[in-house]
PDB file of N, CA and C in Angstrom:
ATOM      1  N   UNK A   1    -114.983 -52.259 216.155  1.00  0.00           N
ATOM      2  CA  UNK A   1    -115.227 -51.828 214.765  1.00  0.00           C
ATOM      3  C   UNK A   1    -116.835 -52.220 214.553  1.00  0.00           C
ATOM      4  N   UNK A   2    -117.391 -51.201 214.161  1.00  0.00           N
ATOM      5  CA  UNK A   2    -118.845 -51.553 214.132  1.00  0.00           C
ATOM      6  C   UNK A   2    -119.253 -52.422 212.830  1.00  0.00           C
ATOM      7  N   UNK A   3    -120.141 -53.355 213.095  1.00  0.00           N
ATOM      8  CA  UNK A   3    -120.446 -54.356 211.927  1.00  0.00           C
ATOM      9  C   UNK A   3    -121.112 -53.460 210.822  1.00  0.00           C
ATOM     10  N   UNK A   4    -121.103 -54.006 209.635  1.00  0.00           N
ATOM     11  CA  UNK A   4    -121.666 -53.235 208.371  1.00  0.00           C
ATOM     12  C   UNK A   4    -122.965 -52.982 208.415  1.00  0.00           C
ATOM     13  N   UNK A   5    -123.805 -53.854 209.176  1.00  0.00           N
ATOM     14  CA  UNK A   5    -125.277 -53.721 209.228  1.00  0.00           C
ATOM     15  C   UNK A   5    -125.599 -52.504 210.250  1.00  0.00           C
ATOM     16  N   UNK A   6    -124.757 -52.661 211.210  1.00  0.00           N
ATOM     17  CA  UNK A   6    -124.847 -51.596 212.165  1.00  0.00           C
ATOM     18  C   UNK A   6    -124.608 -50.110 211.661  1.00  0.00           C
ATOM     19  N   UNK A   7    -123.795 -49.884 210.663  1.00  0.00           N
ATOM     20  CA  UNK A   7    -123.579 -48.666 209.904  1.00  0.00           C
ATOM     21  C   UNK A   7    -124.626 -48.595 208.962  1.00  0.00           C
ATOM     22  N   UNK A   8    -125.166 -49.391 208.433  1.00  0.00           N
ATOM     23  CA  UNK A   8    -126.256 -49.176 207.450  1.00  0.00           C
ATOM     24  C   UNK A   8    -127.528 -48.845 208.405  1.00  0.00           C
ATOM     25  N   UNK A   9    -127.867 -49.367 209.399  1.00  0.00           N
ATOM     26  CA  UNK A   9    -128.776 -48.791 210.359  1.00  0.00           C
ATOM     27  C   UNK A   9    -128.684 -47.384 210.664  1.00  0.00           C
ATOM     28  N   UNK A  10    -127.568 -47.063 211.091  1.00  0.00           N
ATOM     29  CA  UNK A  10    -127.068 -45.790 211.649  1.00  0.00           C
ATOM     30  C   UNK A  10    -127.337 -44.731 210.327  1.00  0.00           C
ATOM     31  N   UNK A  11    -126.961 -45.074 209.238  1.00  0.00           N
ATOM     32  CA  UNK A  11    -127.092 -44.183 207.798  1.00  0.00           C
ATOM     33  C   UNK A  11    -128.480 -44.095 207.644  1.00  0.00           C
ATOM     34  N   UNK A  12    -129.305 -45.124 207.453  1.00  0.00           N
ATOM     35  CA  UNK A  12    -130.547 -45.181 207.342  1.00  0.00           C
ATOM     36  C   UNK A  12    -131.535 -44.145 208.148  1.00  0.00           C
ATOM     37  N   UNK A  13    -131.236 -44.410 209.491  1.00  0.00           N
ATOM     38  CA  UNK A  13    -131.896 -43.417 210.327  1.00  0.00           C
ATOM     39  C   UNK A  13    -131.720 -41.905 210.320  1.00  0.00           C
ATOM     40  N   UNK A  14    -130.488 -41.634 209.522  1.00  0.00           N
ATOM     41  CA  UNK A  14    -129.963 -40.246 209.366  1.00  0.00           C
ATOM     42  C   UNK A  14    -130.731 -39.708 207.991  1.00  0.00           C
ATOM     43  N   UNK A  15    -131.393 -40.581 207.326  1.00  0.00           N
ATOM     44  CA  UNK A  15    -131.862 -40.030 205.946  1.00  0.00           C
ATOM     45  C   UNK A  15    -133.212 -39.060 206.142  1.00  0.00           C
ATOM     46  N   UNK A  16    -133.382 -38.356 205.345  1.00  0.00           N
ATOM     47  CA  UNK A  16    -134.605 -37.277 205.403  1.00  0.00           C
ATOM     48  C   UNK A  16    -135.977 -37.981 205.491  1.00  0.00           C
ATOM     49  N   UNK A  17    -137.052 -37.401 205.781  1.00  0.00           N
ATOM     50  CA  UNK A  17    -138.266 -37.677 206.072  1.00  0.00           C
ATOM     51  C   UNK A  17    -138.764 -37.844 204.575  1.00  0.00           C
ATOM     52  N   UNK A  18    -139.454 -38.877 204.383  1.00  0.00           N
ATOM     53  CA  UNK A  18    -139.995 -39.170 202.967  1.00  0.00           C
ATOM     54  C   UNK A  18    -139.024 -40.128 202.268  1.00  0.00           C
ATOM     55  N   UNK A  19    -138.065 -40.389 202.698  1.00  0.00           N
ATOM     56  CA  UNK A  19    -136.902 -41.266 201.856  1.00  0.00           C
ATOM     57  C   UNK A  19    -137.577 -42.714 201.930  1.00  0.00           C
ATOM     58  N   UNK A  20    -137.457 -43.196 200.755  1.00  0.00           N
ATOM     59  CA  UNK A  20    -138.125 -44.476 200.407  1.00  0.00           C
ATOM     60  C   UNK A  20    -136.806 -45.599 200.284  1.00  0.00           C
ATOM     61  N   UNK A  21    -136.963 -46.696 201.018  1.00  0.00           N
ATOM     62  CA  UNK A  21    -135.872 -47.709 200.912  1.00  0.00           C
ATOM     63  C   UNK A  21    -136.638 -49.230 200.325  1.00  0.00           C
ATOM     64  N   UNK A  22    -136.103 -49.744 199.495  1.00  0.00           N
ATOM     65  CA  UNK A  22    -136.558 -51.151 199.035  1.00  0.00           C
ATOM     66  C   UNK A  22    -135.258 -51.999 199.350  1.00  0.00           C
ATOM     67  N   UNK A  23    -136.034 -53.057 199.843  1.00  0.00           N
ATOM     68  CA  UNK A  23    -135.178 -54.244 200.235  1.00  0.00           C
ATOM     69  C   UNK A  23    -135.503 -55.379 199.597  1.00  0.00           C
ATOM     70  N   UNK A  24    -134.718 -56.461 199.365  1.00  0.00           N
ATOM     71  CA  UNK A  24    -135.103 -57.667 198.680  1.00  0.00           C
ATOM     72  C   UNK A  24    -134.434 -58.514 199.630  1.00  0.00           C
ATOM     73  N   UNK A  25    -135.194 -59.403 200.450  1.00  0.00           N
ATOM     74  CA  UNK A  25    -134.511 -60.283 201.537  1.00  0.00           C
ATOM     75  C   UNK A  25    -133.671 -59.566 202.717  1.00  0.00           C
ATOM     76  N   UNK A  26    -134.165 -58.352 202.745  1.00  0.00           N
ATOM     77  CA  UNK A  26    -133.363 -57.672 203.894  1.00  0.00           C
ATOM     78  C   UNK A  26    -132.167 -57.165 203.717  1.00  0.00           C
ATOM     79  N   UNK A  27    -131.509 -56.423 204.472  1.00  0.00           N
ATOM     80  CA  UNK A  27    -130.070 -56.102 204.390  1.00  0.00           C
ATOM     81  C   UNK A  27    -129.211 -56.590 205.550  1.00  0.00           C
ATOM     82  N   UNK A  28    -129.503 -57.369 206.378  1.00  0.00           N
ATOM     83  CA  UNK A  28    -128.841 -58.156 207.455  1.00  0.00           C
ATOM     84  C   UNK A  28    -128.808 -57.468 208.608  1.00  0.00           C
ATOM     85  N   UNK A  29    -129.798 -56.241 208.763  1.00  0.00           N
ATOM     86  CA  UNK A  29    -129.985 -55.657 210.099  1.00  0.00           C
ATOM     87  C   UNK A  29    -131.521 -55.449 210.305  1.00  0.00           C
ATOM     88  N   UNK A  30    -131.672 -54.311 211.309  1.00  0.00           N
ATOM     89  CA  UNK A  30    -133.161 -53.854 211.525  1.00  0.00           C
ATOM     90  C   UNK A  30    -133.440 -52.560 211.177  1.00  0.00           C
ATOM     91  N   UNK A  31    -134.422 -52.544 210.338  1.00  0.00           N
ATOM     92  CA  UNK A  31    -134.737 -51.057 209.822  1.00  0.00           C
ATOM     93  C   UNK A  31    -134.964 -50.067 211.181  1.00  0.00           C
ATOM     94  N   UNK A  32    -134.535 -48.891 211.224  1.00  0.00           N
ATOM     95  CA  UNK A  32    -134.834 -48.051 212.127  1.00  0.00           C
ATOM     96  C   UNK A  32    -136.245 -47.965 212.650  1.00  0.00           C
ATOM     97  N   UNK A  33    -136.632 -47.743 213.819  1.00  0.00           N
ATOM     98  CA  UNK A  33    -137.992 -47.412 214.080  1.00  0.00           C
ATOM     99  C   UNK A  33    -138.805 -46.091 213.582  1.00  0.00           C
ATOM    100  N   UNK A  34    -137.917 -45.409 212.932  1.00  0.00           N
ATOM    101  CA  UNK A  34    -138.698 -44.241 212.212  1.00  0.00           C
ATOM    102  C   UNK A  34    -139.139 -44.494 210.947  1.00  0.00           C
ATOM    103  N   UNK A  35    -139.003 -45.850 210.425  1.00  0.00           N
ATOM    104  CA  UNK A  35    -139.472 -46.183 209.135  1.00  0.00           C
ATOM    105  C   UNK A  35    -140.760 -47.062 209.286  1.00  0.00           C
ATOM    106  N   UNK A  36    -141.770 -46.814 208.486  1.00  0.00           N
ATOM    107  CA  UNK A  36    -142.946 -47.745 208.392  1.00  0.00           C
ATOM    108  C   UNK A  36    -142.816 -48.569 207.161  1.00  0.00           C
ATOM    109  N   UNK A  37    -143.318 -49.717 207.462  1.00  0.00           N
ATOM    110  CA  UNK A  37    -143.513 -50.800 206.273  1.00  0.00           C
ATOM    111  C   UNK A  37    -144.567 -50.181 205.271  1.00  0.00           C
ATOM    112  N   UNK A  38    -144.607 -50.084 204.053  1.00  0.00           N
ATOM    113  CA  UNK A  38    -145.453 -49.585 203.336  1.00  0.00           C
ATOM    114  C   UNK A  38    -146.028 -50.608 202.368  1.00  0.00           C
ATOM    115  N   UNK A  39    -145.206 -51.442 201.993  1.00  0.00           N
ATOM    116  CA  UNK A  39    -145.497 -52.723 201.159  1.00  0.00           C
ATOM    117  C   UNK A  39    -144.585 -53.892 201.328  1.00  0.00           C
ATOM    118  N   UNK A  40    -145.177 -55.046 201.108  1.00  0.00           N
ATOM    119  CA  UNK A  40    -144.602 -56.152 201.253  1.00  0.00           C
ATOM    120  C   UNK A  40    -145.012 -57.059 200.403  1.00  0.00           C
ATOM    121  N   UNK A  41    -143.984 -58.079 199.419  1.00  0.00           N
ATOM    122  CA  UNK A  41    -144.540 -58.731 198.855  1.00  0.00           C
ATOM    123  C   UNK A  41    -143.599 -60.111 199.033  1.00  0.00           C
ATOM    124  N   UNK A  42    -144.205 -61.391 198.895  1.00  0.00           N
ATOM    125  CA  UNK A  42    -143.344 -62.592 198.875  1.00  0.00           C
ATOM    126  C   UNK A  42    -142.920 -62.868 197.366  1.00  0.00           C
ATOM    127  N   UNK A  43    -141.816 -63.109 196.766  1.00  0.00           N
ATOM    128  CA  UNK A  43    -141.587 -63.356 195.447  1.00  0.00           C
ATOM    129  C   UNK A  43    -141.385 -64.946 195.599  1.00  0.00           C
ATOM    130  N   UNK A  44    -142.154 -65.765 195.234  1.00  0.00           N
ATOM    131  CA  UNK A  44    -142.173 -67.206 195.498  1.00  0.00           C
ATOM    132  C   UNK A  44    -141.128 -67.895 194.703  1.00  0.00           C
ATOM    133  N   UNK A  45    -140.715 -67.509 193.517  1.00  0.00           N
ATOM    134  CA  UNK A  45    -139.940 -68.144 192.754  1.00  0.00           C
ATOM    135  C   UNK A  45    -138.564 -68.133 193.451  1.00  0.00           C
ATOM    136  N   UNK A  46    -138.088 -67.164 194.253  1.00  0.00           N
ATOM    137  CA  UNK A  46    -137.017 -66.978 194.866  1.00  0.00           C
ATOM    138  C   UNK A  46    -136.884 -67.314 196.478  1.00  0.00           C
ATOM    139  N   UNK A  47    -138.330 -67.136 196.859  1.00  0.00           N
ATOM    140  CA  UNK A  47    -138.568 -67.235 198.240  1.00  0.00           C
ATOM    141  C   UNK A  47    -138.214 -66.038 199.211  1.00  0.00           C
ATOM    142  N   UNK A  48    -138.138 -64.972 198.486  1.00  0.00           N
ATOM    143  CA  UNK A  48    -137.640 -63.747 199.242  1.00  0.00           C
ATOM    144  C   UNK A  48    -138.704 -62.782 199.313  1.00  0.00           C
ATOM    145  N   UNK A  49    -138.325 -61.822 200.350  1.00  0.00           N
ATOM    146  CA  UNK A  49    -139.562 -60.716 200.530  1.00  0.00           C
ATOM    147  C   UNK A  49    -138.975 -59.347 199.924  1.00  0.00           C
ATOM    148  N   UNK A  50    -139.984 -58.697 199.021  1.00  0.00           N
ATOM    149  CA  UNK A  50    -139.670 -57.377 198.470  1.00  0.00           C
ATOM    150  C   UNK A  50    -140.370 -56.379 199.441  1.00  0.00           C
ATOM    151  N   UNK A  51    -139.672 -55.599 199.976  1.00  0.00           N
ATOM    152  CA  UNK A  51    -140.362 -54.722 201.040  1.00  0.00           C
ATOM    153  C   UNK A  51    -139.945 -53.098 200.622  1.00  0.00           C
ATOM    154  N   UNK A  52    -140.894 -52.331 200.815  1.00  0.00           N
ATOM    155  CA  UNK A  52    -140.711 -50.736 200.575  1.00  0.00           C
ATOM    156  C   UNK A  52    -141.107 -50.036 202.069  1.00  0.00           C
ATOM    157  N   UNK A  53    -140.047 -49.445 202.412  1.00  0.00           N
ATOM    158  CA  UNK A  53    -140.318 -48.843 203.813  1.00  0.00           C
ATOM    159  C   UNK A  53    -140.128 -47.207 203.442  1.00  0.00           C
ATOM    160  N   UNK A  54    -140.585 -46.511 204.226  1.00  0.00           N
ATOM    161  CA  UNK A  54    -140.449 -45.032 204.006  1.00  0.00           C
ATOM    162  C   UNK A  54    -140.427 -44.465 205.356  1.00  0.00           C
ATOM    163  N   UNK A  55    -139.528 -43.471 205.467  1.00  0.00           N
ATOM    164  CA  UNK A  55    -138.859 -42.715 206.623  1.00  0.00           C
ATOM    165  C   UNK A  55    -139.802 -41.656 206.977  1.00  0.00           C
ATOM    166  N   UNK A  56    -140.405 -41.902 208.203  1.00  0.00           N
ATOM    167  CA  UNK A  56    -141.214 -40.720 208.920  1.00  0.00           C
ATOM    168  C   UNK A  56    -140.442 -39.669 209.517  1.00  0.00           C
ATOM    169  N   UNK A  57    -141.165 -38.576 209.985  1.00  0.00           N
ATOM    170  CA  UNK A  57    -140.503 -37.565 210.606  1.00  0.00           C
ATOM    171  C   UNK A  57    -140.017 -38.102 211.925  1.00  0.00           C
ATOM    172  N   UNK A  58    -138.741 -37.923 212.200  1.00  0.00           N
ATOM    173  CA  UNK A  58    -138.287 -38.175 213.688  1.00  0.00           C
ATOM    174  C   UNK A  58    -139.080 -37.632 214.558  1.00  0.00           C
ATOM    175  N   UNK A  59    -139.268 -38.164 215.794  1.00  0.00           N
ATOM    176  CA  UNK A  59    -140.345 -37.524 216.957  1.00  0.00           C
ATOM    177  C   UNK A  59    -139.506 -36.348 217.465  1.00  0.00           C
ATOM    178  N   UNK A  60    -140.409 -35.271 217.587  1.00  0.00           N
ATOM    179  CA  UNK A  60    -139.721 -34.295 218.132  1.00  0.00           C
ATOM    180  C   UNK A  60    -139.428 -33.163 216.998  1.00  0.00           C
ATOM    181  N   UNK A  61    -139.273 -33.659 215.772  1.00  0.00           N
ATOM    182  CA  UNK A  61    -138.850 -32.820 214.614  1.00  0.00           C
ATOM    183  C   UNK A  61    -140.222 -32.332 213.935  1.00  0.00           C
ATOM    184  N   UNK A  62    -140.368 -31.315 213.450  1.00  0.00           N
ATOM    185  CA  UNK A  62    -141.454 -30.579 212.937  1.00  0.00           C
ATOM    186  C   UNK A  62    -141.599 -30.834 211.450  1.00  0.00           C
ATOM    187  N   UNK A  63    -142.743 -31.190 210.834  1.00  0.00           N
ATOM    188  CA  UNK A  63    -142.880 -31.550 209.652  1.00  0.00           C
ATOM    189  C   UNK A  63    -143.289 -30.158 208.758  1.00  0.00           C
ATOM    190  N   UNK A  64    -142.597 -29.856 207.872  1.00  0.00           N
ATOM    191  CA  UNK A  64    -143.005 -28.761 207.064  1.00  0.00           C
ATOM    192  C   UNK A  64    -144.295 -29.088 206.337  1.00  0.00           C
ATOM    193  N   UNK A  65    -145.141 -28.096 206.090  1.00  0.00           N
ATOM    194  CA  UNK A  65    -146.176 -28.143 205.405  1.00  0.00           C
ATOM    195  C   UNK A  65    -145.960 -28.124 203.901  1.00  0.00           C
ATOM    196  N   UNK A  66    -146.698 -28.803 203.082  1.00  0.00           N
ATOM    197  CA  UNK A  66    -146.272 -28.872 201.745  1.00  0.00           C
ATOM    198  C   UNK A  66    -147.563 -28.360 200.827  1.00  0.00           C
TER     199      UNK A  66
END
């Protein structure tokens, strides 16, 4: 049986380009490499990091012009 964080990693990897994900103190896994770190801020009162990730186009997939 797959661990919960591995299932979350798989689901995150399958989300569409441009999807934004915010984590506070992480989610227990590793963000897929298709995400870029867009913003990170330390919240000193709790000692956690607030992080914004944005899904990039998967390699080999064409990006539609907007």
